[in-house]
Amino acid sequence: MSGEESYLEKLRLADRLRTSMLSSAIQALALPLGSRGLDAGCGAGSVTFLLAEAVGTVGHVIGIDVNSEFLAHAQKTAEDRDLAKRASFQQGDVSRLPFEANSFDWACSVDCVGFIPASPVRLLKELARVVKPGGTVAILLWSSQQLLPGYPLLEARLNATTAGIAPFTIGKKPESHHLRALHWFREAGLKEPMAQTFVGEAQAPLRDEMRAALRSLFAMRWGDPQSELTPEDWKRYERLSDPTSPDCIVNLPDYYAFFTYSLFRSTVGR
């Protein structure tokens, strides 16, 4: 399995946890029915399809991404789900969008602007360029989690690893942190930026597919942290995350966890 295929499988599993929460965030955007929108950094298209459902049968959403394998997967999924008329995909760079000014009624970016190694202010300006005056520019970013109940010190150490704090790395300026995004919107010249946080939850008893989704989420969130943990912490994490372990944490009869996404939105000036 290639790196892209492995990522797509992890994403497919994790989407079982994220979809309801992401749908709530998209609903809060109140996208106009019949509108034309852009999903910038769409990846495999899972959010693109949620956006397409939000704008109704006569709306249309274009997903753009640099990864051709992800786009091929997204296009096939659109055809399989009979959404090809409402969602389309093309390859392109979010920092240099291949669209004319004022091409869209709104633009959205999920886990892209603020996460990829490019100036978020510059990316927001580029999104605003292709949105009509009065339209919405929004970004939605993973912002926190509590996934290992009963092990707060271990989870804190995992969160402090390179993968755990990504994309905010040691040496970055405080204003580069994604929870400072209101500042980014103002710097980009957008009007009246607002923020709201949405919570996703997992509570026992869990179905097998939800346990698999949580283990996939662990892998996506912390990667392979062995080199950055003490041997004791690594052994504890292995024991808690291994589905064959009698101590696998997602098998607890009282398991409860949550994670959050934060939505930042603003309006393009008239």
C-alpha atoms as a PDB file:
ATOM      1  CA  MET A   1       0.000   0.000   0.000  1.00  0.00           C
ATOM      2  CA  SER A   2       1.412   3.397  -1.025  1.00  0.00           C
ATOM      3  CA  GLY A   3       1.677   6.331   1.335  1.00  0.00           C
ATOM      4  CA  GLU A   4      -1.325   7.990  -0.328  1.00  0.00           C
ATOM      5  CA  GLU A   5      -3.386   4.802  -0.116  1.00  0.00           C
ATOM      6  CA  SER A   6      -2.513   4.374   3.554  1.00  0.00           C
ATOM      7  CA  TYR A   7      -3.520   7.972   4.269  1.00  0.00           C
ATOM      8  CA  LEU A   8      -6.786   7.601   2.364  1.00  0.00           C
ATOM      9  CA  GLU A   9      -7.670   4.513   4.386  1.00  0.00           C
ATOM     10  CA  LYS A  10      -6.941   6.305   7.663  1.00  0.00           C
ATOM     11  CA  LEU A  11      -8.994   9.269   6.490  1.00  0.00           C
ATOM     12  CA  ARG A  12     -11.887   7.031   5.472  1.00  0.00           C
ATOM     13  CA  LEU A  13     -11.967   5.546   8.958  1.00  0.00           C
ATOM     14  CA  ALA A  14     -11.544   8.886  10.758  1.00  0.00           C
ATOM     15  CA  ASP A  15     -14.363  10.422   8.689  1.00  0.00           C
ATOM     16  CA  ARG A  16     -16.793   8.189  10.576  1.00  0.00           C
ATOM     17  CA  LEU A  17     -15.961  10.301  13.618  1.00  0.00           C
ATOM     18  CA  ARG A  18     -15.710  13.672  11.890  1.00  0.00           C
ATOM     19  CA  THR A  19     -18.646  13.768   9.488  1.00  0.00           C
ATOM     20  CA  SER A  20     -21.422  14.750  11.896  1.00  0.00           C
ATOM     21  CA  MET A  21     -19.334  17.503  13.468  1.00  0.00           C
ATOM     22  CA  LEU A  22     -18.116  18.846  10.117  1.00  0.00           C
ATOM     23  CA  SER A  23     -21.710  18.888   8.865  1.00  0.00           C
ATOM     24  CA  SER A  24     -22.661  21.046  11.864  1.00  0.00           C
ATOM     25  CA  ALA A  25     -19.865  23.489  11.086  1.00  0.00           C
ATOM     26  CA  ILE A  26     -20.888  23.696   7.430  1.00  0.00           C
ATOM     27  CA  GLN A  27     -24.506  24.241   8.450  1.00  0.00           C
ATOM     28  CA  ALA A  28     -23.351  27.204  10.563  1.00  0.00           C
ATOM     29  CA  LEU A  29     -21.942  28.816   7.412  1.00  0.00           C
ATOM     30  CA  ALA A  30     -25.488  29.051   5.987  1.00  0.00           C
ATOM     31  CA  LEU A  31     -24.236  28.712   2.415  1.00  0.00           C
ATOM     32  CA  PRO A  32     -26.867  29.937  -0.062  1.00  0.00           C
ATOM     33  CA  LEU A  33     -28.787  27.258  -1.940  1.00  0.00           C
ATOM     34  CA  GLY A  34     -27.736  27.196  -5.571  1.00  0.00           C
ATOM     35  CA  SER A  35     -24.435  28.948  -4.858  1.00  0.00           C
ATOM     36  CA  ARG A  36     -21.063  28.206  -6.451  1.00  0.00           C
ATOM     37  CA  GLY A  37     -18.223  27.504  -4.022  1.00  0.00           C
ATOM     38  CA  LEU A  38     -14.609  26.457  -3.736  1.00  0.00           C
ATOM     39  CA  ASP A  39     -13.131  23.796  -1.456  1.00  0.00           C
ATOM     40  CA  ALA A  40      -9.446  24.731  -1.305  1.00  0.00           C
ATOM     41  CA  GLY A  41      -7.140  21.848  -0.424  1.00  0.00           C
ATOM     42  CA  CYS A  42      -9.940  19.339  -0.814  1.00  0.00           C
ATOM     43  CA  GLY A  43      -7.842  16.168  -0.470  1.00  0.00           C
ATOM     44  CA  ALA A  44     -10.007  13.114  -1.132  1.00  0.00           C
ATOM     45  CA  GLY A  45     -13.167  15.205  -1.326  1.00  0.00           C
ATOM     46  CA  SER A  46     -15.039  14.125   1.801  1.00  0.00           C
ATOM     47  CA  VAL A  47     -15.723  17.735   2.832  1.00  0.00           C
ATOM     48  CA  THR A  48     -16.424  18.753  -0.774  1.00  0.00           C
ATOM     49  CA  PHE A  49     -19.383  16.381  -0.803  1.00  0.00           C
ATOM     50  CA  LEU A  50     -20.723  17.809   2.463  1.00  0.00           C
ATOM     51  CA  LEU A  51     -20.449  21.304   0.976  1.00  0.00           C
ATOM     52  CA  ALA A  52     -22.203  20.155  -2.195  1.00  0.00           C
ATOM     53  CA  GLU A  53     -25.084  18.775  -0.150  1.00  0.00           C
ATOM     54  CA  ALA A  54     -25.326  22.097   1.706  1.00  0.00           C
ATOM     55  CA  VAL A  55     -25.806  24.160  -1.483  1.00  0.00           C
ATOM     56  CA  GLY A  56     -28.490  21.868  -2.875  1.00  0.00           C
ATOM     57  CA  THR A  57     -29.112  20.218  -6.191  1.00  0.00           C
ATOM     58  CA  VAL A  58     -28.555  23.337  -8.298  1.00  0.00           C
ATOM     59  CA  GLY A  59     -25.407  24.469  -6.483  1.00  0.00           C
ATOM     60  CA  HIS A  60     -21.891  23.445  -7.410  1.00  0.00           C
ATOM     61  CA  VAL A  61     -18.613  23.041  -5.535  1.00  0.00           C
ATOM     62  CA  ILE A  62     -15.159  22.768  -7.091  1.00  0.00           C
ATOM     63  CA  GLY A  63     -12.492  20.987  -5.065  1.00  0.00           C
ATOM     64  CA  ILE A  64      -8.879  21.833  -5.763  1.00  0.00           C
ATOM     65  CA  ASP A  65      -5.764  20.040  -4.531  1.00  0.00           C
ATOM     66  CA  VAL A  66      -2.164  19.422  -5.607  1.00  0.00           C
ATOM     67  CA  ASN A  67      -2.353  15.641  -5.135  1.00  0.00           C
ATOM     68  CA  SER A  68      -3.545  13.897  -8.300  1.00  0.00           C
ATOM     69  CA  GLU A  69      -4.136  10.558  -6.539  1.00  0.00           C
ATOM     70  CA  PHE A  70      -6.451  12.155  -3.996  1.00  0.00           C
ATOM     71  CA  LEU A  71      -8.302  13.957  -6.794  1.00  0.00           C
ATOM     72  CA  ALA A  72      -8.764  10.752  -8.773  1.00  0.00           C
ATOM     73  CA  HIS A  73     -10.227   9.115  -5.679  1.00  0.00           C
ATOM     74  CA  ALA A  74     -12.535  12.112  -5.130  1.00  0.00           C
ATOM     75  CA  GLN A  75     -13.748  12.095  -8.737  1.00  0.00           C
ATOM     76  CA  LYS A  76     -14.524   8.370  -8.617  1.00  0.00           C
ATOM     77  CA  THR A  77     -16.419   8.824  -5.360  1.00  0.00           C
ATOM     78  CA  ALA A  78     -18.437  11.656  -6.912  1.00  0.00           C
ATOM     79  CA  GLU A  79     -19.414   9.397  -9.797  1.00  0.00           C
ATOM     80  CA  ASP A  80     -20.229   6.476  -7.492  1.00  0.00           C
ATOM     81  CA  ARG A  81     -22.455   8.709  -5.348  1.00  0.00           C
ATOM     82  CA  ASP A  82     -24.107  10.397  -8.342  1.00  0.00           C
ATOM     83  CA  LEU A  83     -22.715  13.770  -7.287  1.00  0.00           C
ATOM     84  CA  ALA A  84     -20.590  14.507 -10.353  1.00  0.00           C
ATOM     85  CA  LYS A  85     -22.929  17.315 -11.455  1.00  0.00           C
ATOM     86  CA  ARG A  86     -22.730  18.996  -8.058  1.00  0.00           C
ATOM     87  CA  ALA A  87     -19.041  18.473  -7.203  1.00  0.00           C
ATOM     88  CA  SER A  88     -16.051  18.538  -9.529  1.00  0.00           C
ATOM     89  CA  PHE A  89     -12.314  18.417  -8.959  1.00  0.00           C
ATOM     90  CA  GLN A  90      -9.203  19.835 -10.529  1.00  0.00           C
ATOM     91  CA  GLN A  91      -5.528  19.970  -9.739  1.00  0.00           C
ATOM     92  CA  GLY A  92      -4.073  23.242  -8.593  1.00  0.00           C
ATOM     93  CA  ASP A  93      -2.128  25.163  -5.973  1.00  0.00           C
ATOM     94  CA  VAL A  94      -4.085  26.924  -3.227  1.00  0.00           C
ATOM     95  CA  SER A  95      -1.472  29.694  -3.211  1.00  0.00           C
ATOM     96  CA  ARG A  96      -2.033  30.369  -6.947  1.00  0.00           C
ATOM     97  CA  LEU A  97      -5.649  29.494  -7.657  1.00  0.00           C
ATOM     98  CA  PRO A  98      -6.388  28.887 -11.357  1.00  0.00           C
ATOM     99  CA  PHE A  99      -9.535  31.013 -11.307  1.00  0.00           C
ATOM    100  CA  GLU A 100     -10.465  34.551 -12.287  1.00  0.00           C
ATOM    101  CA  ALA A 101     -11.370  37.129  -9.644  1.00  0.00           C
ATOM    102  CA  ASN A 102     -14.967  36.993  -8.375  1.00  0.00           C
ATOM    103  CA  SER A 103     -15.493  33.429  -9.627  1.00  0.00           C
ATOM    104  CA  PHE A 104     -17.230  32.058  -6.516  1.00  0.00           C
ATOM    105  CA  ASP A 105     -19.932  32.959  -4.043  1.00  0.00           C
ATOM    106  CA  TRP A 106     -17.815  31.567  -1.204  1.00  0.00           C
ATOM    107  CA  ALA A 107     -14.585  29.667  -0.502  1.00  0.00           C
ATOM    108  CA  CYS A 108     -13.802  27.207   2.268  1.00  0.00           C
ATOM    109  CA  SER A 109     -10.637  25.393   3.331  1.00  0.00           C
ATOM    110  CA  VAL A 110     -10.537  22.528   5.841  1.00  0.00           C
ATOM    111  CA  ASP A 111      -7.233  21.472   7.441  1.00  0.00           C
ATOM    112  CA  CYS A 112      -5.302  23.284   4.726  1.00  0.00           C
ATOM    113  CA  VAL A 113      -4.955  27.057   5.169  1.00  0.00           C
ATOM    114  CA  GLY A 114      -3.096  27.405   8.447  1.00  0.00           C
ATOM    115  CA  PHE A 115      -1.684  23.887   8.236  1.00  0.00           C
ATOM    116  CA  ILE A 116       0.370  23.816   5.039  1.00  0.00           C
ATOM    117  CA  PRO A 117       3.792  25.552   5.041  1.00  0.00           C
ATOM    118  CA  ALA A 118       2.686  28.808   3.440  1.00  0.00           C
ATOM    119  CA  SER A 119       1.688  32.195   4.800  1.00  0.00           C
ATOM    120  CA  PRO A 120      -1.954  31.891   5.927  1.00  0.00           C
ATOM    121  CA  VAL A 121      -2.490  35.596   5.316  1.00  0.00           C
ATOM    122  CA  ARG A 122      -1.323  35.252   1.717  1.00  0.00           C
ATOM    123  CA  LEU A 123      -3.542  32.190   1.234  1.00  0.00           C
ATOM    124  CA  LEU A 124      -6.569  34.011   2.654  1.00  0.00           C
ATOM    125  CA  LYS A 125      -5.941  36.914   0.307  1.00  0.00           C
ATOM    126  CA  GLU A 126      -5.883  34.454  -2.589  1.00  0.00           C
ATOM    127  CA  LEU A 127      -9.167  32.891  -1.471  1.00  0.00           C
ATOM    128  CA  ALA A 128     -10.704  36.351  -1.110  1.00  0.00           C
ATOM    129  CA  ARG A 129      -9.542  37.264  -4.615  1.00  0.00           C
ATOM    130  CA  VAL A 130     -11.703  34.573  -6.217  1.00  0.00           C
ATOM    131  CA  VAL A 131     -14.800  35.277  -4.068  1.00  0.00           C
ATOM    132  CA  LYS A 132     -17.374  37.866  -5.060  1.00  0.00           C
ATOM    133  CA  PRO A 133     -17.796  40.968  -2.862  1.00  0.00           C
ATOM    134  CA  GLY A 134     -20.054  40.145   0.064  1.00  0.00           C
ATOM    135  CA  GLY A 135     -19.192  36.454  -0.144  1.00  0.00           C
ATOM    136  CA  THR A 136     -17.794  34.280   2.632  1.00  0.00           C
ATOM    137  CA  VAL A 137     -14.259  33.032   3.174  1.00  0.00           C
ATOM    138  CA  ALA A 138     -13.946  30.329   5.835  1.00  0.00           C
ATOM    139  CA  ILE A 139     -11.317  27.975   7.209  1.00  0.00           C
ATOM    140  CA  LEU A 140     -11.973  25.011   9.474  1.00  0.00           C
ATOM    141  CA  LEU A 141      -9.094  23.590  11.508  1.00  0.00           C
ATOM    142  CA  TRP A 142      -8.559  20.727  13.941  1.00  0.00           C
ATOM    143  CA  SER A 143      -8.013  22.506  17.246  1.00  0.00           C
ATOM    144  CA  SER A 144      -7.904  20.078  20.203  1.00  0.00           C
ATOM    145  CA  GLN A 145      -8.644  16.613  21.526  1.00  0.00           C
ATOM    146  CA  GLN A 146      -8.825  14.411  24.599  1.00  0.00           C
ATOM    147  CA  LEU A 147      -8.550  10.849  23.302  1.00  0.00           C
ATOM    148  CA  LEU A 148      -6.804   8.942  26.117  1.00  0.00           C
ATOM    149  CA  PRO A 149      -9.071   9.291  29.165  1.00  0.00           C
ATOM    150  CA  GLY A 150      -7.213   8.546  32.374  1.00  0.00           C
ATOM    151  CA  TYR A 151      -3.793   9.255  30.842  1.00  0.00           C
ATOM    152  CA  PRO A 152      -3.508  13.072  30.687  1.00  0.00           C
ATOM    153  CA  LEU A 153       0.287  13.145  31.135  1.00  0.00           C
ATOM    154  CA  LEU A 154       0.851  10.629  28.350  1.00  0.00           C
ATOM    155  CA  GLU A 155      -1.493  12.509  26.039  1.00  0.00           C
ATOM    156  CA  ALA A 156       0.236  15.797  26.874  1.00  0.00           C
ATOM    157  CA  ARG A 157       3.582  14.234  25.948  1.00  0.00           C
ATOM    158  CA  LEU A 158       2.150  12.877  22.707  1.00  0.00           C
ATOM    159  CA  ASN A 159       0.763  16.324  21.910  1.00  0.00           C
ATOM    160  CA  ALA A 160       4.228  17.804  22.443  1.00  0.00           C
ATOM    161  CA  THR A 161       5.858  15.564  19.815  1.00  0.00           C
ATOM    162  CA  THR A 162       6.674  16.869  16.337  1.00  0.00           C
ATOM    163  CA  ALA A 163       3.497  15.340  14.902  1.00  0.00           C
ATOM    164  CA  GLY A 164       1.452  16.373  17.910  1.00  0.00           C
ATOM    165  CA  ILE A 165       2.141  20.090  17.630  1.00  0.00           C
ATOM    166  CA  ALA A 166       2.278  20.204  13.827  1.00  0.00           C
ATOM    167  CA  PRO A 167       2.080  22.464  11.958  1.00  0.00           C
ATOM    168  CA  PHE A 168       3.071  24.788  14.809  1.00  0.00           C
ATOM    169  CA  THR A 169       6.711  23.883  15.356  1.00  0.00           C
ATOM    170  CA  ILE A 170       9.334  25.134  17.790  1.00  0.00           C
ATOM    171  CA  GLY A 171      10.600  28.542  16.730  1.00  0.00           C
ATOM    172  CA  LYS A 172       7.424  29.708  15.021  1.00  0.00           C
ATOM    173  CA  LYS A 173       6.004  33.071  15.974  1.00  0.00           C
ATOM    174  CA  PRO A 174       2.969  32.992  18.301  1.00  0.00           C
ATOM    175  CA  GLU A 175       0.790  34.632  15.654  1.00  0.00           C
ATOM    176  CA  SER A 176       1.431  31.625  13.393  1.00  0.00           C
ATOM    177  CA  HIS A 177      -0.610  29.374  15.670  1.00  0.00           C
ATOM    178  CA  HIS A 178      -3.940  28.384  14.102  1.00  0.00           C
ATOM    179  CA  LEU A 179      -5.997  29.713  17.012  1.00  0.00           C
ATOM    180  CA  ARG A 180      -4.693  33.176  16.101  1.00  0.00           C
ATOM    181  CA  ALA A 181      -6.583  32.993  12.794  1.00  0.00           C
ATOM    182  CA  LEU A 182      -8.782  36.010  13.557  1.00  0.00           C
ATOM    183  CA  HIS A 183      -5.606  38.064  13.187  1.00  0.00           C
ATOM    184  CA  TRP A 184      -4.895  36.417   9.820  1.00  0.00           C
ATOM    185  CA  PHE A 185      -8.317  37.427   8.500  1.00  0.00           C
ATOM    186  CA  ARG A 186      -7.843  41.025   9.583  1.00  0.00           C
ATOM    187  CA  GLU A 187      -4.365  41.137   8.026  1.00  0.00           C
ATOM    188  CA  ALA A 188      -5.862  39.812   4.793  1.00  0.00           C
ATOM    189  CA  GLY A 189      -8.322  42.728   4.726  1.00  0.00           C
ATOM    190  CA  LEU A 190     -11.438  40.652   5.385  1.00  0.00           C
ATOM    191  CA  LYS A 191     -14.349  42.099   7.324  1.00  0.00           C
ATOM    192  CA  GLU A 192     -15.594  41.225  10.816  1.00  0.00           C
ATOM    193  CA  PRO A 193     -13.957  37.822  11.300  1.00  0.00           C
ATOM    194  CA  MET A 194     -15.732  35.430  13.653  1.00  0.00           C
ATOM    195  CA  ALA A 195     -14.812  32.130  15.304  1.00  0.00           C
ATOM    196  CA  GLN A 196     -16.790  29.159  16.595  1.00  0.00           C
ATOM    197  CA  THR A 197     -15.721  25.722  17.863  1.00  0.00           C
ATOM    198  CA  PHE A 198     -17.518  22.441  17.210  1.00  0.00           C
ATOM    199  CA  VAL A 199     -17.150  19.251  19.234  1.00  0.00           C
ATOM    200  CA  GLY A 200     -17.089  15.647  18.081  1.00  0.00           C
ATOM    201  CA  GLU A 201     -17.541  12.871  20.649  1.00  0.00           C
ATOM    202  CA  ALA A 202     -17.069   9.136  21.061  1.00  0.00           C
ATOM    203  CA  GLN A 203     -18.768   7.296  23.899  1.00  0.00           C
ATOM    204  CA  ALA A 204     -18.890   3.625  24.874  1.00  0.00           C
ATOM    205  CA  PRO A 205     -20.265   1.199  23.997  1.00  0.00           C
ATOM    206  CA  LEU A 206     -18.519   1.520  20.643  1.00  0.00           C
ATOM    207  CA  ARG A 207     -19.096  -0.487  17.501  1.00  0.00           C
ATOM    208  CA  ASP A 208     -16.075  -2.187  15.928  1.00  0.00           C
ATOM    209  CA  GLU A 209     -15.975   0.396  13.125  1.00  0.00           C
ATOM    210  CA  MET A 210     -15.839   3.244  15.653  1.00  0.00           C
ATOM    211  CA  ARG A 211     -13.001   1.570  17.531  1.00  0.00           C
ATOM    212  CA  ALA A 212     -11.128   1.265  14.250  1.00  0.00           C
ATOM    213  CA  ALA A 213     -11.872   4.910  13.484  1.00  0.00           C
ATOM    214  CA  LEU A 214     -10.436   6.017  16.827  1.00  0.00           C
ATOM    215  CA  ARG A 215      -7.274   3.966  16.379  1.00  0.00           C
ATOM    216  CA  SER A 216      -6.902   5.536  12.943  1.00  0.00           C
ATOM    217  CA  LEU A 217      -7.342   8.946  14.521  1.00  0.00           C
ATOM    218  CA  PHE A 218      -4.549   8.165  17.006  1.00  0.00           C
ATOM    219  CA  ALA A 219      -2.260   7.320  14.084  1.00  0.00           C
ATOM    220  CA  MET A 220      -3.168  10.459  12.161  1.00  0.00           C
ATOM    221  CA  ARG A 221      -2.821  12.685  15.215  1.00  0.00           C
ATOM    222  CA  TRP A 222       0.484  11.410  16.615  1.00  0.00           C
ATOM    223  CA  GLY A 223       2.107   9.418  13.820  1.00  0.00           C
ATOM    224  CA  ASP A 224       4.931   7.185  15.043  1.00  0.00           C
ATOM    225  CA  PRO A 225       6.062   8.952  18.230  1.00  0.00           C
ATOM    226  CA  GLN A 226       8.427   6.269  19.575  1.00  0.00           C
ATOM    227  CA  SER A 227      11.628   8.286  19.088  1.00  0.00           C
ATOM    228  CA  GLU A 228      10.207  11.244  21.030  1.00  0.00           C
ATOM    229  CA  LEU A 229       8.819   9.344  24.022  1.00  0.00           C
ATOM    230  CA  THR A 230      10.544   7.669  26.931  1.00  0.00           C
ATOM    231  CA  PRO A 231      10.602   3.857  26.666  1.00  0.00           C
ATOM    232  CA  GLU A 232       8.037   3.691  29.450  1.00  0.00           C
ATOM    233  CA  ASP A 233       5.650   6.090  27.732  1.00  0.00           C
ATOM    234  CA  TRP A 234       6.068   4.308  24.409  1.00  0.00           C
ATOM    235  CA  LYS A 235       5.221   0.936  25.960  1.00  0.00           C
ATOM    236  CA  ARG A 236       2.179   2.476  27.651  1.00  0.00           C
ATOM    237  CA  TYR A 237       0.996   4.059  24.393  1.00  0.00           C
ATOM    238  CA  GLU A 238       1.486   0.787  22.509  1.00  0.00           C
ATOM    239  CA  ARG A 239      -0.533  -1.066  25.129  1.00  0.00           C
ATOM    240  CA  LEU A 240      -3.368   1.463  24.974  1.00  0.00           C
ATOM    241  CA  SER A 241      -3.538   1.704  21.172  1.00  0.00           C
ATOM    242  CA  ASP A 242      -2.928  -1.927  20.149  1.00  0.00           C
ATOM    243  CA  PRO A 243      -6.272  -3.559  19.219  1.00  0.00           C
ATOM    244  CA  THR A 244      -4.945  -6.963  20.367  1.00  0.00           C
ATOM    245  CA  SER A 245      -3.982  -5.678  23.814  1.00  0.00           C
ATOM    246  CA  PRO A 246      -6.307  -6.458  26.730  1.00  0.00           C
ATOM    247  CA  ASP A 247      -5.729  -2.836  27.805  1.00  0.00           C
ATOM    248  CA  CYS A 248      -6.698  -1.241  24.468  1.00  0.00           C
ATOM    249  CA  ILE A 249      -8.280   1.995  25.629  1.00  0.00           C
ATOM    250  CA  VAL A 250     -11.120   2.127  23.087  1.00  0.00           C
ATOM    251  CA  ASN A 251     -12.429  -1.149  24.542  1.00  0.00           C
ATOM    252  CA  LEU A 252     -13.104   0.417  27.944  1.00  0.00           C
ATOM    253  CA  PRO A 253     -16.766   0.079  28.962  1.00  0.00           C
ATOM    254  CA  ASP A 254     -16.676   3.714  30.123  1.00  0.00           C
ATOM    255  CA  TYR A 255     -14.611   5.144  27.252  1.00  0.00           C
ATOM    256  CA  TYR A 256     -15.362   8.776  26.416  1.00  0.00           C
ATOM    257  CA  ALA A 257     -13.355  11.133  24.256  1.00  0.00           C
ATOM    258  CA  PHE A 258     -13.838  14.362  22.331  1.00  0.00           C
ATOM    259  CA  PHE A 259     -12.118  16.423  19.685  1.00  0.00           C
ATOM    260  CA  THR A 260     -12.776  19.875  18.287  1.00  0.00           C
ATOM    261  CA  TYR A 261     -12.650  21.799  15.052  1.00  0.00           C
ATOM    262  CA  SER A 262     -12.609  25.591  15.050  1.00  0.00           C
ATOM    263  CA  LEU A 263     -14.308  27.557  12.291  1.00  0.00           C
ATOM    264  CA  PHE A 264     -13.047  31.004  11.307  1.00  0.00           C
ATOM    265  CA  ARG A 265     -15.054  32.999   8.791  1.00  0.00           C
ATOM    266  CA  SER A 266     -15.277  36.469   7.357  1.00  0.00           C
ATOM    267  CA  THR A 267     -16.742  38.470   4.500  1.00  0.00           C
ATOM    268  CA  VAL A 268     -15.100  39.842   1.386  1.00  0.00           C
ATOM    269  CA  GLY A 269     -15.436  43.634   1.243  1.00  0.00           C
ATOM    270  CA  ARG A 270     -17.756  45.235  -1.259  1.00  0.00           C
END
